[in-house]
Amino acid sequence: MDMDISELDGNVTCIRLVGRLDSPGVDRIEIRFTAALAALGRPAVVDLSQVSFLASMGIRMFISSARALHVKGAKVVLFGASEMVQSVLDHVALDQIIPLAATQAEAIAKLRA
């Protein structure tokens, strides 16, 4: 699992994930992922377009990071999930906790809504 962090226009953090969000993948990035979101306390979008697998550990990481960010008054939107990853997100109804979007533009629009 690899992770790239950048800043988009409008003071939005963008995190791009590449690989498998299984137990070893989450172990590899979780501390940096949580720090990138919660420490800055800024709105964020997470690009899932290169995530090939999503397990319960990845879902837990998203929820705990979103809660930490919410405490700081900001939110996160996940976007770009593949069909397989999207089916996992739908199955656990993650959209009830964290907004989901198809594209980066749609994710940024949901941040501002």
Protein backbone atom coordinates (compact mmCIF):
# COMPACT_ATOMS: atom_id res chain seq x y z
CA MET A 1 0.00 0.00 0.00
CA ASP A 2 1.33 3.40 -1.01
CA MET A 3 0.00 6.83 -0.15
CA ASP A 4 0.56 10.25 -1.70
CA ILE A 5 -0.52 13.47 0.01
CA SER A 6 -1.02 16.75 -1.83
CA GLU A 7 -2.85 20.02 -1.40
CA LEU A 8 -5.59 21.07 -3.81
CA ASP A 9 -6.85 24.58 -4.43
CA GLY A 10 -9.05 25.82 -1.63
CA ASN A 11 -6.95 24.40 1.22
CA VAL A 12 -8.14 20.81 0.66
CA THR A 13 -5.89 17.85 1.46
CA CYS A 14 -5.92 15.09 -1.17
CA ILE A 15 -4.73 11.61 -0.25
CA ARG A 16 -4.23 9.11 -3.08
CA LEU A 17 -4.07 5.47 -2.06
CA VAL A 18 -2.55 2.72 -4.21
CA GLY A 19 -2.72 -0.98 -3.42
CA ARG A 20 -4.62 -3.24 -1.06
CA LEU A 21 -6.30 -1.95 2.09
CA ASP A 22 -6.01 -5.28 3.86
CA SER A 23 -4.37 -5.79 7.26
CA PRO A 24 -0.74 -5.45 6.04
CA GLY A 25 -1.65 -2.48 3.83
CA VAL A 26 -3.43 -0.63 6.62
CA ASP A 27 -0.57 -1.36 9.03
CA ARG A 28 1.79 0.24 6.53
CA ILE A 29 -0.07 3.57 6.15
CA GLU A 30 -2.50 4.03 9.04
CA ILE A 31 -0.40 6.32 11.23
CA ARG A 32 0.57 8.59 8.31
CA PHE A 33 -3.00 8.53 6.94
CA THR A 34 -4.55 9.53 10.27
CA ALA A 35 -1.88 12.17 10.87
CA ALA A 36 -2.40 13.66 7.40
CA LEU A 37 -6.12 14.06 8.07
CA ALA A 38 -6.48 14.79 11.76
CA ALA A 39 -3.30 16.78 12.41
CA LEU A 40 -4.05 19.35 9.73
CA GLY A 41 -7.75 19.56 10.55
CA ARG A 42 -8.56 20.62 6.99
CA PRO A 43 -11.21 19.29 4.63
CA ALA A 44 -9.90 16.28 2.70
CA VAL A 45 -10.67 14.00 -0.21
CA VAL A 46 -9.36 10.46 -0.53
CA ASP A 47 -8.78 8.96 -3.99
CA LEU A 48 -9.62 5.25 -3.99
CA SER A 49 -9.27 4.74 -7.76
CA GLN A 50 -6.07 2.69 -7.35
CA VAL A 51 -7.25 0.64 -4.36
CA SER A 52 -7.64 -2.95 -5.53
CA PHE A 53 -9.03 -4.47 -2.31
CA LEU A 54 -10.77 -3.14 0.80
CA ALA A 55 -11.04 -5.14 4.02
CA SER A 56 -12.62 -4.30 7.38
CA MET A 57 -9.31 -2.85 8.62
CA GLY A 58 -9.44 -0.24 5.86
CA ILE A 59 -13.04 0.62 6.69
CA ARG A 60 -12.11 1.02 10.36
CA MET A 61 -9.22 3.33 9.39
CA PHE A 62 -11.55 5.51 7.31
CA ILE A 63 -14.15 5.76 10.09
CA SER A 64 -11.68 6.54 12.89
CA SER A 65 -9.90 9.16 10.77
CA ALA A 66 -13.20 10.77 9.72
CA ARG A 67 -14.27 10.99 13.37
CA ALA A 68 -10.96 12.60 14.36
CA LEU A 69 -11.33 15.11 11.53
CA HIS A 70 -14.96 15.82 12.47
CA VAL A 71 -13.85 16.79 15.99
CA LYS A 72 -11.73 19.50 14.37
CA GLY A 73 -14.71 20.79 12.40
CA ALA A 74 -13.78 19.40 8.98
CA LYS A 75 -14.89 16.44 6.89
CA VAL A 76 -13.54 13.91 4.43
CA VAL A 77 -15.05 12.55 1.22
CA LEU A 78 -13.96 9.30 -0.44
CA PHE A 79 -14.04 9.14 -4.24
CA GLY A 80 -13.17 7.09 -7.30
CA ALA A 81 -13.74 3.59 -5.90
CA SER A 82 -13.55 0.71 -8.36
CA GLU A 83 -16.65 -1.41 -8.82
CA MET A 84 -15.39 -4.05 -6.39
CA VAL A 85 -14.36 -1.56 -3.71
CA GLN A 86 -17.62 0.38 -4.18
CA SER A 87 -19.60 -2.82 -3.58
CA VAL A 88 -17.83 -3.23 -0.21
CA LEU A 89 -18.55 0.41 0.68
CA ASP A 90 -22.21 -0.07 -0.27
CA HIS A 91 -22.47 -3.35 1.65
CA VAL A 92 -21.36 -1.72 4.91
CA ALA A 93 -23.34 1.49 4.18
CA LEU A 94 -20.23 3.60 4.72
CA ASP A 95 -21.96 6.51 2.99
CA GLN A 96 -24.06 6.87 6.16
CA ILE A 97 -20.86 7.94 7.96
CA ILE A 98 -18.54 9.28 5.26
CA PRO A 99 -19.71 10.91 2.01
CA LEU A 100 -18.79 9.05 -1.17
CA ALA A 101 -18.34 10.49 -4.66
CA ALA A 102 -17.53 9.19 -8.13
CA THR A 103 -15.02 11.89 -9.09
CA GLN A 104 -12.63 14.33 -7.44
CA ALA A 105 -14.74 17.27 -8.60
CA GLU A 106 -17.85 15.74 -7.06
CA ALA A 107 -15.94 15.02 -3.82
CA ILE A 108 -14.81 18.65 -3.55
CA ALA A 109 -18.37 19.82 -4.21
CA LYS A 110 -19.60 17.59 -1.36
CA LEU A 111 -16.97 19.10 0.95
CA ARG A 112 -18.35 22.57 0.24
CA ALA A 113 -22.02 21.58 0.54
